[in-house]
């Protein structure tokens, strides 16, 4: 697994995700508790928050959907955040990892490594042996 160093642009992406969460945090109801930002290869940045409920959606899904709805197809880096999590970064759940694998397996995902250090890895590395559609 290749690990990429965190850049100044990555730190800015984390701050953008924290800002969208701060603007939308729903204390007490907990509908909006994770923020996300995605950097596209053309430099555009999209941001979003999770929408919780009986069938909630993760911040990563919402943010990726916004970018795709705007016509984006080439993605560079994504991060999910919560201000009280280690380094403010939340690791994506299994569903999000599968979505990344299907839409952009080479996107870099900012996560904490086993020592609590911020790194980037590809979505492909976050989900070894991923489910893939079989063409018969």
N, C-alpha and C. Protein backbone atom coordinates (compact mmCIF):
# COMPACT_ATOMS: atom_id res chain seq x y z
N UNK A 1 0.85 -1.18 0.00
CA UNK A 1 0.00 0.00 0.00
C UNK A 1 0.90 1.24 0.00
N UNK A 2 0.67 2.10 -0.97
CA UNK A 2 1.42 3.34 -1.03
C UNK A 2 0.73 4.39 -0.15
N UNK A 3 1.53 5.07 0.65
CA UNK A 3 1.02 6.13 1.52
C UNK A 3 1.54 7.46 1.00
N UNK A 4 0.63 8.42 0.86
CA UNK A 4 0.99 9.74 0.37
C UNK A 4 1.05 10.71 1.55
N UNK A 5 1.96 11.66 1.48
CA UNK A 5 2.08 12.67 2.53
C UNK A 5 0.96 13.69 2.42
N UNK A 6 0.64 14.27 3.54
CA UNK A 6 -0.38 15.32 3.59
C UNK A 6 0.26 16.65 3.16
N UNK A 7 -0.41 17.32 2.25
CA UNK A 7 0.09 18.59 1.72
C UNK A 7 -0.67 19.77 2.34
N UNK A 8 -0.21 20.95 2.02
CA UNK A 8 -0.92 22.16 2.46
C UNK A 8 -2.34 22.17 1.89
N UNK A 9 -2.50 21.74 0.65
CA UNK A 9 -3.82 21.68 0.01
C UNK A 9 -4.72 20.70 0.76
N UNK A 10 -4.15 19.59 1.23
CA UNK A 10 -4.93 18.62 2.01
C UNK A 10 -5.40 19.24 3.33
N UNK A 11 -4.51 19.99 3.99
CA UNK A 11 -4.88 20.67 5.23
C UNK A 11 -6.01 21.67 4.97
N UNK A 12 -5.95 22.36 3.84
CA UNK A 12 -7.02 23.29 3.46
C UNK A 12 -8.33 22.54 3.23
N UNK A 13 -8.25 21.38 2.61
CA UNK A 13 -9.44 20.57 2.35
C UNK A 13 -10.08 20.14 3.67
N UNK A 14 -9.27 19.77 4.64
CA UNK A 14 -9.78 19.42 5.97
C UNK A 14 -10.49 20.62 6.59
N UNK A 15 -9.91 21.80 6.48
CA UNK A 15 -10.53 23.00 7.03
C UNK A 15 -11.84 23.34 6.34
N UNK A 16 -11.91 23.13 5.04
CA UNK A 16 -13.15 23.37 4.29
C UNK A 16 -14.24 22.42 4.79
N UNK A 17 -13.88 21.16 4.98
CA UNK A 17 -14.85 20.18 5.48
C UNK A 17 -15.30 20.53 6.89
N UNK A 18 -14.38 20.97 7.74
CA UNK A 18 -14.75 21.38 9.10
C UNK A 18 -15.67 22.59 9.09
N UNK A 19 -15.45 23.50 8.16
CA UNK A 19 -16.28 24.71 8.08
C UNK A 19 -17.71 24.37 7.67
N UNK A 20 -17.88 23.47 6.68
CA UNK A 20 -19.24 23.10 6.26
C UNK A 20 -19.96 22.37 7.39
N UNK A 21 -19.22 21.59 8.16
CA UNK A 21 -19.83 20.92 9.31
C UNK A 21 -20.23 21.94 10.36
N UNK A 22 -19.35 22.89 10.64
CA UNK A 22 -19.66 23.93 11.64
C UNK A 22 -20.91 24.71 11.24
N UNK A 23 -21.06 25.00 9.97
CA UNK A 23 -22.20 25.76 9.48
C UNK A 23 -23.51 24.98 9.55
N UNK A 24 -23.42 23.65 9.59
CA UNK A 24 -24.61 22.81 9.52
C UNK A 24 -24.79 21.83 10.66
N UNK A 25 -23.89 21.83 11.63
CA UNK A 25 -23.96 20.88 12.73
C UNK A 25 -25.31 20.97 13.43
N UNK A 26 -25.91 19.83 13.67
CA UNK A 26 -27.25 19.76 14.24
C UNK A 26 -27.17 19.15 15.63
N UNK A 27 -26.69 19.94 16.60
CA UNK A 27 -26.48 19.46 17.96
C UNK A 27 -27.80 19.05 18.60
N UNK A 28 -27.82 17.86 19.16
CA UNK A 28 -29.01 17.37 19.84
C UNK A 28 -29.84 16.45 18.98
N UNK A 29 -29.93 16.71 17.68
CA UNK A 29 -30.68 15.85 16.77
C UNK A 29 -29.73 14.90 16.04
N UNK A 30 -28.52 15.36 15.82
CA UNK A 30 -27.44 14.58 15.21
C UNK A 30 -27.71 14.17 13.76
N UNK A 31 -28.45 15.01 13.04
CA UNK A 31 -28.67 14.73 11.62
C UNK A 31 -27.48 15.11 10.76
N UNK A 32 -26.68 16.06 11.21
CA UNK A 32 -25.54 16.53 10.43
C UNK A 32 -24.31 16.59 11.33
N UNK A 33 -23.60 15.48 11.43
CA UNK A 33 -22.49 15.39 12.37
C UNK A 33 -21.15 15.10 11.71
N UNK A 34 -21.14 14.88 10.41
CA UNK A 34 -19.90 14.66 9.67
C UNK A 34 -19.89 15.58 8.47
N UNK A 35 -18.75 16.24 8.26
CA UNK A 35 -18.56 17.08 7.09
C UNK A 35 -17.62 16.40 6.11
N UNK A 36 -17.69 16.79 4.86
CA UNK A 36 -16.84 16.18 3.84
C UNK A 36 -16.48 17.23 2.79
N UNK A 37 -15.29 17.08 2.23
CA UNK A 37 -14.87 17.90 1.09
C UNK A 37 -14.14 17.01 0.11
N UNK A 38 -14.39 17.27 -1.17
CA UNK A 38 -13.73 16.50 -2.23
C UNK A 38 -13.08 17.48 -3.20
N UNK A 39 -11.84 17.20 -3.53
CA UNK A 39 -11.08 17.99 -4.49
C UNK A 39 -11.08 17.25 -5.82
N UNK A 40 -11.56 17.92 -6.85
CA UNK A 40 -11.56 17.33 -8.19
C UNK A 40 -10.23 17.63 -8.86
N UNK A 41 -9.89 16.87 -9.88
CA UNK A 41 -8.61 17.06 -10.55
C UNK A 41 -8.50 18.41 -11.24
N UNK A 42 -9.65 19.04 -11.56
CA UNK A 42 -9.62 20.36 -12.18
C UNK A 42 -9.52 21.49 -11.16
N UNK A 43 -9.44 21.14 -9.86
CA UNK A 43 -9.31 22.14 -8.81
C UNK A 43 -10.61 22.51 -8.12
N UNK A 44 -11.75 22.10 -8.67
CA UNK A 44 -13.03 22.39 -8.02
C UNK A 44 -13.15 21.60 -6.72
N UNK A 45 -13.77 22.23 -5.73
CA UNK A 45 -14.00 21.58 -4.44
C UNK A 45 -15.49 21.57 -4.16
N UNK A 46 -15.99 20.42 -3.74
CA UNK A 46 -17.38 20.27 -3.33
C UNK A 46 -17.39 19.87 -1.86
N UNK A 47 -18.44 20.24 -1.17
CA UNK A 47 -18.53 19.94 0.27
C UNK A 47 -19.95 19.56 0.62
N UNK A 48 -20.08 18.81 1.72
CA UNK A 48 -21.39 18.38 2.16
C UNK A 48 -21.35 17.83 3.57
N UNK A 49 -22.51 17.51 4.07
CA UNK A 49 -22.65 16.92 5.40
C UNK A 49 -23.52 15.68 5.29
N UNK A 50 -23.42 14.81 6.29
CA UNK A 50 -24.28 13.63 6.28
C UNK A 50 -25.73 14.03 6.55
N UNK A 51 -26.65 13.22 6.08
CA UNK A 51 -28.07 13.41 6.36
C UNK A 51 -28.55 12.13 7.03
N UNK A 52 -28.72 12.19 8.33
CA UNK A 52 -29.08 11.02 9.09
C UNK A 52 -30.60 10.85 9.09
N UNK A 53 -31.05 9.71 9.43
CA UNK A 53 -32.48 9.41 9.48
C UNK A 53 -32.65 7.91 9.39
N UNK A 54 -33.86 7.48 9.11
CA UNK A 54 -34.12 6.04 9.05
C UNK A 54 -33.25 5.36 7.99
N UNK A 55 -33.01 6.04 6.90
CA UNK A 55 -32.10 5.56 5.85
C UNK A 55 -31.16 6.69 5.50
N UNK A 56 -30.30 7.04 6.43
CA UNK A 56 -29.40 8.17 6.27
C UNK A 56 -28.36 7.96 5.19
N UNK A 57 -27.67 9.04 4.89
CA UNK A 57 -26.61 8.98 3.90
C UNK A 57 -25.37 9.67 4.44
N UNK A 58 -24.24 9.04 4.24
CA UNK A 58 -22.96 9.56 4.72
C UNK A 58 -22.60 10.85 4.00
N UNK A 59 -21.79 11.66 4.66
CA UNK A 59 -21.32 12.92 4.07
C UNK A 59 -20.56 12.67 2.78
N UNK A 60 -19.82 11.57 2.71
CA UNK A 60 -19.07 11.26 1.50
C UNK A 60 -20.00 11.01 0.31
N UNK A 61 -21.10 10.28 0.55
CA UNK A 61 -22.07 10.02 -0.52
C UNK A 61 -22.71 11.32 -0.99
N UNK A 62 -23.11 12.16 -0.04
CA UNK A 62 -23.76 13.43 -0.39
C UNK A 62 -22.80 14.30 -1.21
N UNK A 63 -21.55 14.39 -0.75
CA UNK A 63 -20.57 15.25 -1.41
C UNK A 63 -20.21 14.72 -2.79
N UNK A 64 -20.00 13.42 -2.91
CA UNK A 64 -19.70 12.82 -4.20
C UNK A 64 -20.89 13.01 -5.15
N UNK A 65 -22.10 12.86 -4.64
CA UNK A 65 -23.29 13.07 -5.47
C UNK A 65 -23.39 14.49 -5.97
N UNK A 66 -23.04 15.45 -5.13
CA UNK A 66 -23.06 16.85 -5.55
C UNK A 66 -22.05 17.09 -6.67
N UNK A 67 -20.86 16.53 -6.52
CA UNK A 67 -19.82 16.72 -7.54
C UNK A 67 -20.24 16.06 -8.86
N UNK A 68 -20.74 14.85 -8.78
CA UNK A 68 -21.17 14.15 -9.98
C UNK A 68 -22.34 14.88 -10.64
N UNK A 69 -23.28 15.39 -9.83
CA UNK A 69 -24.42 16.15 -10.37
C UNK A 69 -23.97 17.42 -11.08
N UNK A 70 -22.82 17.95 -10.68
CA UNK A 70 -22.27 19.15 -11.32
C UNK A 70 -21.43 18.80 -12.55
N UNK A 71 -21.35 17.51 -12.88
CA UNK A 71 -20.64 17.09 -14.08
C UNK A 71 -19.22 16.60 -13.85
N UNK A 72 -18.78 16.55 -12.61
CA UNK A 72 -17.41 16.10 -12.32
C UNK A 72 -17.30 14.59 -12.49
N UNK A 73 -16.15 14.16 -12.99
CA UNK A 73 -15.89 12.72 -13.13
C UNK A 73 -14.47 12.35 -12.74
N UNK A 74 -13.61 13.34 -12.52
CA UNK A 74 -12.23 13.05 -12.17
C UNK A 74 -11.92 13.65 -10.81
N UNK A 75 -11.59 12.77 -9.86
CA UNK A 75 -11.44 13.18 -8.47
C UNK A 75 -10.02 12.94 -7.99
N UNK A 76 -9.55 13.84 -7.14
CA UNK A 76 -8.20 13.76 -6.61
C UNK A 76 -8.16 13.26 -5.17
N UNK A 77 -8.82 14.00 -4.25
CA UNK A 77 -8.72 13.71 -2.82
C UNK A 77 -10.05 13.96 -2.14
N UNK A 78 -10.35 13.15 -1.11
CA UNK A 78 -11.57 13.32 -0.33
C UNK A 78 -11.24 13.15 1.15
N UNK A 79 -11.99 13.87 1.99
CA UNK A 79 -11.82 13.74 3.44
C UNK A 79 -13.16 13.92 4.12
N UNK A 80 -13.39 13.14 5.18
CA UNK A 80 -14.56 13.30 6.04
C UNK A 80 -14.05 13.71 7.42
N UNK A 81 -14.82 14.57 8.10
CA UNK A 81 -14.33 15.14 9.36
C UNK A 81 -15.40 15.21 10.44
N UNK A 82 -14.93 15.26 11.67
CA UNK A 82 -15.71 15.61 12.85
C UNK A 82 -14.72 16.26 13.80
N UNK A 83 -15.07 17.40 14.35
CA UNK A 83 -14.11 18.18 15.13
C UNK A 83 -13.55 17.46 16.35
N UNK A 84 -14.24 16.47 16.88
CA UNK A 84 -13.76 15.78 18.07
C UNK A 84 -13.06 14.46 17.77
N UNK A 85 -12.88 14.13 16.52
CA UNK A 85 -12.21 12.89 16.15
C UNK A 85 -10.70 13.16 16.06
N UNK A 86 -9.90 12.11 16.14
CA UNK A 86 -8.45 12.22 16.04
C UNK A 86 -8.06 12.99 14.78
N UNK A 87 -7.31 14.05 14.95
CA UNK A 87 -6.91 14.93 13.83
C UNK A 87 -8.11 15.47 13.05
N UNK A 88 -9.28 15.39 13.63
CA UNK A 88 -10.55 15.83 13.02
C UNK A 88 -10.94 14.99 11.81
N UNK A 89 -10.26 13.91 11.54
CA UNK A 89 -10.53 13.11 10.34
C UNK A 89 -11.21 11.80 10.71
N UNK A 90 -12.28 11.49 9.96
CA UNK A 90 -13.07 10.27 10.16
C UNK A 90 -12.78 9.33 8.99
N UNK A 91 -12.49 8.08 9.30
CA UNK A 91 -12.26 7.09 8.25
C UNK A 91 -13.59 6.70 7.61
N UNK A 92 -13.63 6.54 6.29
CA UNK A 92 -14.90 6.19 5.64
C UNK A 92 -15.39 4.79 6.00
N UNK A 93 -16.70 4.66 6.07
CA UNK A 93 -17.31 3.36 6.36
C UNK A 93 -17.17 2.43 5.16
N UNK A 94 -17.57 1.20 5.33
CA UNK A 94 -17.49 0.21 4.26
C UNK A 94 -18.28 0.58 3.01
N UNK A 95 -19.49 1.13 3.21
CA UNK A 95 -20.30 1.53 2.06
C UNK A 95 -19.61 2.63 1.26
N UNK A 96 -19.02 3.59 1.96
CA UNK A 96 -18.32 4.69 1.27
C UNK A 96 -17.10 4.16 0.54
N UNK A 97 -16.38 3.25 1.18
CA UNK A 97 -15.20 2.67 0.53
C UNK A 97 -15.59 1.95 -0.76
N UNK A 98 -16.71 1.23 -0.74
CA UNK A 98 -17.17 0.55 -1.94
C UNK A 98 -17.56 1.55 -3.02
N UNK A 99 -18.25 2.64 -2.61
CA UNK A 99 -18.63 3.67 -3.57
C UNK A 99 -17.40 4.29 -4.21
N UNK A 100 -16.38 4.63 -3.40
CA UNK A 100 -15.14 5.18 -3.96
C UNK A 100 -14.54 4.20 -4.96
N UNK A 101 -14.52 2.92 -4.58
CA UNK A 101 -13.91 1.90 -5.43
C UNK A 101 -14.61 1.85 -6.79
N UNK A 102 -15.93 1.97 -6.78
CA UNK A 102 -16.69 1.88 -8.02
C UNK A 102 -16.60 3.15 -8.86
N UNK A 103 -16.59 4.30 -8.24
CA UNK A 103 -16.59 5.57 -8.97
C UNK A 103 -15.20 6.10 -9.27
N UNK A 104 -14.27 5.89 -8.36
CA UNK A 104 -12.94 6.50 -8.51
C UNK A 104 -11.92 5.74 -7.65
N UNK A 105 -11.56 4.54 -8.06
CA UNK A 105 -10.70 3.68 -7.22
C UNK A 105 -9.33 4.28 -6.92
N UNK A 106 -8.90 5.26 -7.69
CA UNK A 106 -7.59 5.86 -7.45
C UNK A 106 -7.65 7.19 -6.71
N UNK A 107 -8.86 7.59 -6.26
CA UNK A 107 -8.96 8.81 -5.45
C UNK A 107 -8.14 8.61 -4.18
N UNK A 108 -7.50 9.67 -3.74
CA UNK A 108 -6.76 9.60 -2.48
C UNK A 108 -7.71 9.97 -1.34
N UNK A 109 -7.67 9.20 -0.27
CA UNK A 109 -8.54 9.39 0.88
C UNK A 109 -7.67 9.74 2.08
N UNK A 110 -7.98 10.85 2.73
CA UNK A 110 -7.22 11.24 3.92
C UNK A 110 -7.75 10.47 5.12
N UNK A 111 -6.86 9.76 5.81
CA UNK A 111 -7.21 8.96 6.97
C UNK A 111 -6.10 9.09 8.02
N UNK A 112 -6.37 8.57 9.20
CA UNK A 112 -5.34 8.42 10.23
C UNK A 112 -4.73 7.04 10.09
N UNK A 113 -3.40 6.96 10.15
CA UNK A 113 -2.79 5.63 10.11
C UNK A 113 -2.85 4.98 11.49
N UNK A 114 -2.28 3.80 11.63
CA UNK A 114 -2.35 3.07 12.90
C UNK A 114 -1.64 3.79 14.04
N UNK A 115 -0.81 4.78 13.72
CA UNK A 115 -0.10 5.56 14.75
C UNK A 115 -0.75 6.92 15.00
N UNK A 116 -1.89 7.18 14.35
CA UNK A 116 -2.57 8.45 14.54
C UNK A 116 -2.02 9.58 13.69
N UNK A 117 -1.23 9.26 12.68
CA UNK A 117 -0.67 10.26 11.77
C UNK A 117 -1.56 10.37 10.54
N UNK A 118 -1.81 11.59 10.07
CA UNK A 118 -2.59 11.79 8.86
C UNK A 118 -1.79 11.34 7.64
N UNK A 119 -2.43 10.55 6.80
CA UNK A 119 -1.85 10.10 5.53
C UNK A 119 -2.96 10.09 4.48
N UNK A 120 -2.55 9.86 3.25
CA UNK A 120 -3.50 9.61 2.16
C UNK A 120 -3.19 8.25 1.57
N UNK A 121 -4.24 7.52 1.25
CA UNK A 121 -4.12 6.26 0.54
C UNK A 121 -5.20 6.24 -0.54
N UNK A 122 -5.04 5.37 -1.51
CA UNK A 122 -6.08 5.30 -2.54
C UNK A 122 -7.27 4.49 -2.02
N UNK A 123 -8.41 4.76 -2.61
CA UNK A 123 -9.62 4.00 -2.26
C UNK A 123 -9.39 2.52 -2.53
N UNK A 124 -8.67 2.22 -3.58
CA UNK A 124 -8.36 0.82 -3.92
C UNK A 124 -7.65 0.13 -2.76
N UNK A 125 -6.74 0.86 -2.10
CA UNK A 125 -6.01 0.28 -0.96
C UNK A 125 -6.86 0.20 0.30
N UNK A 126 -7.89 1.04 0.39
CA UNK A 126 -8.78 0.99 1.56
C UNK A 126 -9.73 -0.20 1.52
N UNK A 127 -9.90 -0.78 0.35
CA UNK A 127 -10.86 -1.86 0.21
C UNK A 127 -10.27 -3.01 -0.62
N UNK A 128 -9.33 -3.74 -0.03
CA UNK A 128 -8.77 -4.88 -0.79
C UNK A 128 -9.84 -5.94 -1.01
N UNK A 129 -9.75 -6.61 -2.11
CA UNK A 129 -10.71 -7.68 -2.47
C UNK A 129 -12.13 -7.14 -2.57
N UNK A 130 -12.26 -5.95 -3.11
CA UNK A 130 -13.58 -5.31 -3.23
C UNK A 130 -14.51 -6.11 -4.13
N UNK A 131 -15.81 -5.95 -3.86
CA UNK A 131 -16.83 -6.54 -4.72
C UNK A 131 -16.77 -5.85 -6.06
N UNK A 132 -16.83 -6.63 -7.14
CA UNK A 132 -16.87 -6.09 -8.48
C UNK A 132 -17.97 -6.78 -9.26
N UNK A 133 -18.65 -6.00 -10.07
CA UNK A 133 -19.71 -6.56 -10.89
C UNK A 133 -19.11 -7.61 -11.83
N UNK A 134 -19.83 -8.68 -12.02
CA UNK A 134 -19.38 -9.74 -12.91
C UNK A 134 -20.18 -9.66 -14.19
N UNK A 135 -19.48 -9.60 -15.29
CA UNK A 135 -20.15 -9.58 -16.58
C UNK A 135 -20.17 -11.01 -17.12
N UNK A 136 -21.38 -11.52 -17.33
CA UNK A 136 -21.51 -12.91 -17.81
C UNK A 136 -21.67 -12.96 -19.30
